[in-house]
Amino acid sequence: MSRAAPIALALLLALAACGQKRDLKPAEGEALPPAPYGQNEPQTAEQLLEPDPQAAPVRSVELRSRSEEREDDPFDLPPEG
């Protein structure tokens, strides 16, 4: 059993690497969505796959690099009871 796990893992990795590398095209008989309002030409498949800035926003705050004391929060009350 111990030999089967690495072999299965190697086969799964090899299978995962076999992706298509061709340009995307609509299926036969189908067309790309119409052009958005205000644009003359419809978007390409690559443009349609690019996420909106709202879908993948850029982080605008710097993460804390070390532990710091929290400021007193007047709304952080203990539970009633």
N, C-alpha and C. Protein backbone atom coordinates (compact mmCIF):
# COMPACT_ATOMS: atom_id res chain seq x y z
N MET A 1 0.81 -1.19 0.00
CA MET A 1 0.00 0.00 0.00
C MET A 1 0.86 1.26 0.00
N SER A 2 2.02 1.22 0.63
CA SER A 2 2.83 2.43 0.74
C SER A 2 3.41 2.84 -0.62
N ARG A 3 3.57 1.89 -1.55
CA ARG A 3 4.08 2.23 -2.87
C ARG A 3 2.97 2.79 -3.76
N ALA A 4 1.74 2.44 -3.52
CA ALA A 4 0.63 2.86 -4.37
C ALA A 4 0.33 4.35 -4.21
N ALA A 5 0.50 4.88 -3.03
CA ALA A 5 0.17 6.29 -2.79
C ALA A 5 1.05 7.24 -3.61
N PRO A 6 2.38 7.09 -3.61
CA PRO A 6 3.19 8.00 -4.43
C PRO A 6 2.93 7.85 -5.93
N ILE A 7 2.67 6.61 -6.36
CA ILE A 7 2.38 6.38 -7.78
C ILE A 7 1.07 7.06 -8.17
N ALA A 8 0.06 6.91 -7.33
CA ALA A 8 -1.24 7.55 -7.60
C ALA A 8 -1.10 9.06 -7.60
N LEU A 9 -0.32 9.59 -6.68
CA LEU A 9 -0.10 11.04 -6.62
C LEU A 9 0.61 11.52 -7.88
N ALA A 10 1.62 10.79 -8.34
CA ALA A 10 2.33 11.17 -9.55
C ALA A 10 1.41 11.14 -10.77
N LEU A 11 0.55 10.13 -10.86
CA LEU A 11 -0.41 10.06 -11.96
C LEU A 11 -1.40 11.21 -11.92
N LEU A 12 -1.88 11.57 -10.74
CA LEU A 12 -2.80 12.69 -10.63
C LEU A 12 -2.14 14.01 -11.02
N LEU A 13 -0.90 14.21 -10.62
CA LEU A 13 -0.18 15.43 -10.99
C LEU A 13 0.06 15.49 -12.49
N ALA A 14 0.39 14.36 -13.09
CA ALA A 14 0.61 14.33 -14.54
C ALA A 14 -0.69 14.62 -15.28
N LEU A 15 -1.79 14.09 -14.79
CA LEU A 15 -3.08 14.32 -15.41
C LEU A 15 -3.50 15.78 -15.26
N ALA A 16 -3.20 16.40 -14.14
CA ALA A 16 -3.56 17.79 -13.91
C ALA A 16 -2.75 18.72 -14.82
N ALA A 17 -1.59 18.31 -15.25
CA ALA A 17 -0.75 19.14 -16.10
C ALA A 17 -1.15 19.07 -17.57
N CYS A 18 -2.13 18.24 -17.91
CA CYS A 18 -2.52 18.05 -19.30
C CYS A 18 -3.65 18.99 -19.69
N GLY A 19 -3.55 20.24 -19.41
CA GLY A 19 -4.60 21.19 -19.76
C GLY A 19 -4.49 21.66 -21.19
N GLN A 20 -5.58 22.20 -21.71
CA GLN A 20 -5.56 22.74 -23.07
C GLN A 20 -4.81 24.06 -23.09
N LYS A 21 -4.09 24.30 -24.13
CA LYS A 21 -3.31 25.53 -24.26
C LYS A 21 -3.76 26.35 -25.47
N ARG A 22 -4.91 25.99 -26.08
CA ARG A 22 -5.39 26.72 -27.25
C ARG A 22 -6.23 27.91 -26.83
N ASP A 23 -6.45 28.84 -27.78
CA ASP A 23 -7.31 29.99 -27.53
C ASP A 23 -8.75 29.53 -27.31
N LEU A 24 -9.45 30.26 -26.47
CA LEU A 24 -10.85 29.93 -26.20
C LEU A 24 -11.73 30.43 -27.33
N LYS A 25 -12.72 29.63 -27.69
CA LYS A 25 -13.68 30.00 -28.73
C LYS A 25 -15.06 29.59 -28.23
N PRO A 26 -16.11 30.29 -28.69
CA PRO A 26 -17.45 29.85 -28.31
C PRO A 26 -17.76 28.49 -28.95
N ALA A 27 -18.66 27.75 -28.33
CA ALA A 27 -19.06 26.45 -28.86
C ALA A 27 -19.73 26.64 -30.23
N GLU A 28 -19.75 25.57 -31.00
CA GLU A 28 -20.36 25.65 -32.34
C GLU A 28 -21.83 26.04 -32.22
N GLY A 29 -22.24 27.00 -33.04
CA GLY A 29 -23.62 27.47 -33.01
C GLY A 29 -23.88 28.53 -31.97
N GLU A 30 -22.89 28.84 -31.13
CA GLU A 30 -23.03 29.85 -30.09
C GLU A 30 -22.21 31.08 -30.47
N ALA A 31 -22.50 32.20 -29.83
CA ALA A 31 -21.75 33.43 -30.07
C ALA A 31 -21.36 34.04 -28.73
N LEU A 32 -20.37 34.93 -28.78
CA LEU A 32 -19.99 35.65 -27.57
C LEU A 32 -21.13 36.58 -27.17
N PRO A 33 -21.20 36.98 -25.91
CA PRO A 33 -22.26 37.90 -25.49
C PRO A 33 -22.19 39.21 -26.28
N PRO A 34 -23.31 39.93 -26.38
CA PRO A 34 -23.28 41.19 -27.12
C PRO A 34 -22.38 42.21 -26.42
N ALA A 35 -22.02 43.25 -27.16
CA ALA A 35 -21.15 44.30 -26.62
C ALA A 35 -21.86 45.02 -25.48
N PRO A 36 -21.13 45.37 -24.41
CA PRO A 36 -21.72 46.12 -23.32
C PRO A 36 -22.19 47.49 -23.80
N TYR A 37 -23.11 48.07 -23.07
CA TYR A 37 -23.64 49.38 -23.41
C TYR A 37 -22.50 50.39 -23.45
N GLY A 38 -22.42 51.13 -24.53
CA GLY A 38 -21.38 52.15 -24.67
C GLY A 38 -20.17 51.68 -25.44
N GLN A 39 -20.08 50.40 -25.79
CA GLN A 39 -18.96 49.89 -26.57
C GLN A 39 -19.47 49.44 -27.93
N ASN A 40 -18.65 49.63 -28.95
CA ASN A 40 -19.06 49.26 -30.31
C ASN A 40 -18.77 47.80 -30.62
N GLU A 41 -17.70 47.25 -30.07
CA GLU A 41 -17.30 45.89 -30.39
C GLU A 41 -17.49 44.98 -29.19
N PRO A 42 -17.89 43.72 -29.43
CA PRO A 42 -18.00 42.78 -28.29
C PRO A 42 -16.63 42.46 -27.73
N GLN A 43 -16.60 42.04 -26.49
CA GLN A 43 -15.34 41.71 -25.84
C GLN A 43 -14.85 40.34 -26.31
N THR A 44 -13.54 40.16 -26.27
CA THR A 44 -12.95 38.87 -26.62
C THR A 44 -13.09 37.91 -25.43
N ALA A 45 -12.78 36.64 -25.66
CA ALA A 45 -12.87 35.65 -24.59
C ALA A 45 -11.91 36.00 -23.46
N GLU A 46 -10.72 36.48 -23.78
CA GLU A 46 -9.74 36.84 -22.75
C GLU A 46 -10.24 38.01 -21.90
N GLN A 47 -10.87 39.00 -22.55
CA GLN A 47 -11.41 40.14 -21.82
C GLN A 47 -12.55 39.72 -20.91
N LEU A 48 -13.37 38.77 -21.37
CA LEU A 48 -14.48 38.30 -20.54
C LEU A 48 -13.99 37.51 -19.33
N LEU A 49 -12.83 36.86 -19.44
CA LEU A 49 -12.30 36.07 -18.33
C LEU A 49 -11.55 36.92 -17.32
N GLU A 50 -11.19 38.15 -17.67
CA GLU A 50 -10.47 39.03 -16.76
C GLU A 50 -11.42 39.52 -15.66
N PRO A 51 -11.09 39.33 -14.37
CA PRO A 51 -12.02 39.73 -13.31
C PRO A 51 -12.12 41.25 -13.19
N ASP A 52 -13.30 41.70 -12.76
CA ASP A 52 -13.50 43.12 -12.50
C ASP A 52 -12.66 43.54 -11.30
N PRO A 53 -12.33 44.83 -11.19
CA PRO A 53 -11.59 45.27 -10.00
C PRO A 53 -12.36 45.00 -8.71
N GLN A 54 -13.69 45.01 -8.76
CA GLN A 54 -14.47 44.71 -7.55
C GLN A 54 -14.38 43.24 -7.19
N ALA A 55 -14.19 42.37 -8.17
CA ALA A 55 -14.11 40.94 -7.89
C ALA A 55 -12.77 40.56 -7.27
N ALA A 56 -11.73 41.29 -7.61
CA ALA A 56 -10.39 41.02 -7.06
C ALA A 56 -9.76 42.35 -6.68
N PRO A 57 -10.21 42.97 -5.60
CA PRO A 57 -9.69 44.29 -5.24
C PRO A 57 -8.24 44.22 -4.77
N VAL A 58 -7.57 45.32 -4.94
CA VAL A 58 -6.19 45.43 -4.47
C VAL A 58 -6.22 45.86 -3.01
N ARG A 59 -5.41 45.23 -2.18
CA ARG A 59 -5.37 45.58 -0.77
C ARG A 59 -4.75 46.96 -0.62
N SER A 60 -5.45 47.83 0.10
CA SER A 60 -4.97 49.19 0.24
C SER A 60 -4.44 49.50 1.64
N VAL A 61 -4.50 48.53 2.53
CA VAL A 61 -3.99 48.76 3.88
C VAL A 61 -2.80 47.84 4.12
N GLU A 62 -1.85 48.32 4.86
CA GLU A 62 -0.68 47.52 5.16
C GLU A 62 -0.99 46.60 6.34
N LEU A 63 -0.62 45.36 6.21
CA LEU A 63 -0.84 44.41 7.30
C LEU A 63 0.11 44.71 8.44
N ARG A 64 -0.33 44.38 9.62
CA ARG A 64 0.55 44.60 10.79
C ARG A 64 1.66 43.56 10.77
N SER A 65 2.86 44.02 11.04
CA SER A 65 3.99 43.11 11.01
C SER A 65 4.36 42.58 12.40
N ARG A 66 3.79 43.19 13.45
CA ARG A 66 4.09 42.70 14.80
C ARG A 66 2.88 42.97 15.69
N SER A 67 2.87 42.37 16.84
CA SER A 67 1.77 42.51 17.77
C SER A 67 1.78 43.91 18.39
N GLU A 68 0.60 44.51 18.51
CA GLU A 68 0.49 45.83 19.12
C GLU A 68 -0.67 45.83 20.11
N GLU A 69 -0.60 46.69 21.09
CA GLU A 69 -1.69 46.82 22.05
C GLU A 69 -2.91 47.42 21.36
N ARG A 70 -4.07 46.87 21.68
CA ARG A 70 -5.30 47.41 21.12
C ARG A 70 -5.73 48.65 21.88
N GLU A 71 -6.36 49.56 21.15
CA GLU A 71 -6.92 50.74 21.79
C GLU A 71 -8.18 50.32 22.54
N ASP A 72 -8.55 51.08 23.55
CA ASP A 72 -9.74 50.78 24.33
C ASP A 72 -10.98 50.95 23.44
N ASP A 73 -11.85 49.94 23.43
CA ASP A 73 -13.07 49.98 22.64
C ASP A 73 -14.26 50.10 23.59
N PRO A 74 -14.97 51.24 23.61
CA PRO A 74 -16.09 51.39 24.54
C PRO A 74 -17.27 50.47 24.23
N PHE A 75 -17.32 49.89 23.05
CA PHE A 75 -18.43 48.99 22.68
C PHE A 75 -18.11 47.54 22.93
N ASP A 76 -16.89 47.23 23.36
CA ASP A 76 -16.49 45.86 23.65
C ASP A 76 -16.87 45.54 25.09
N LEU A 77 -18.13 45.20 25.30
CA LEU A 77 -18.67 44.95 26.64
C LEU A 77 -18.75 43.46 26.93
N PRO A 78 -18.63 43.07 28.18
CA PRO A 78 -18.77 41.63 28.49
C PRO A 78 -20.22 41.21 28.32
N PRO A 79 -20.46 39.92 28.12
CA PRO A 79 -21.83 39.45 27.96
C PRO A 79 -22.65 39.68 29.23
N GLU A 80 -23.95 39.91 29.05
CA GLU A 80 -24.83 40.11 30.22
C GLU A 80 -25.07 38.76 30.87
N GLY A 81 -25.22 38.78 32.18
CA GLY A 81 -25.57 37.52 32.79
C GLY A 81 -25.08 37.35 34.14
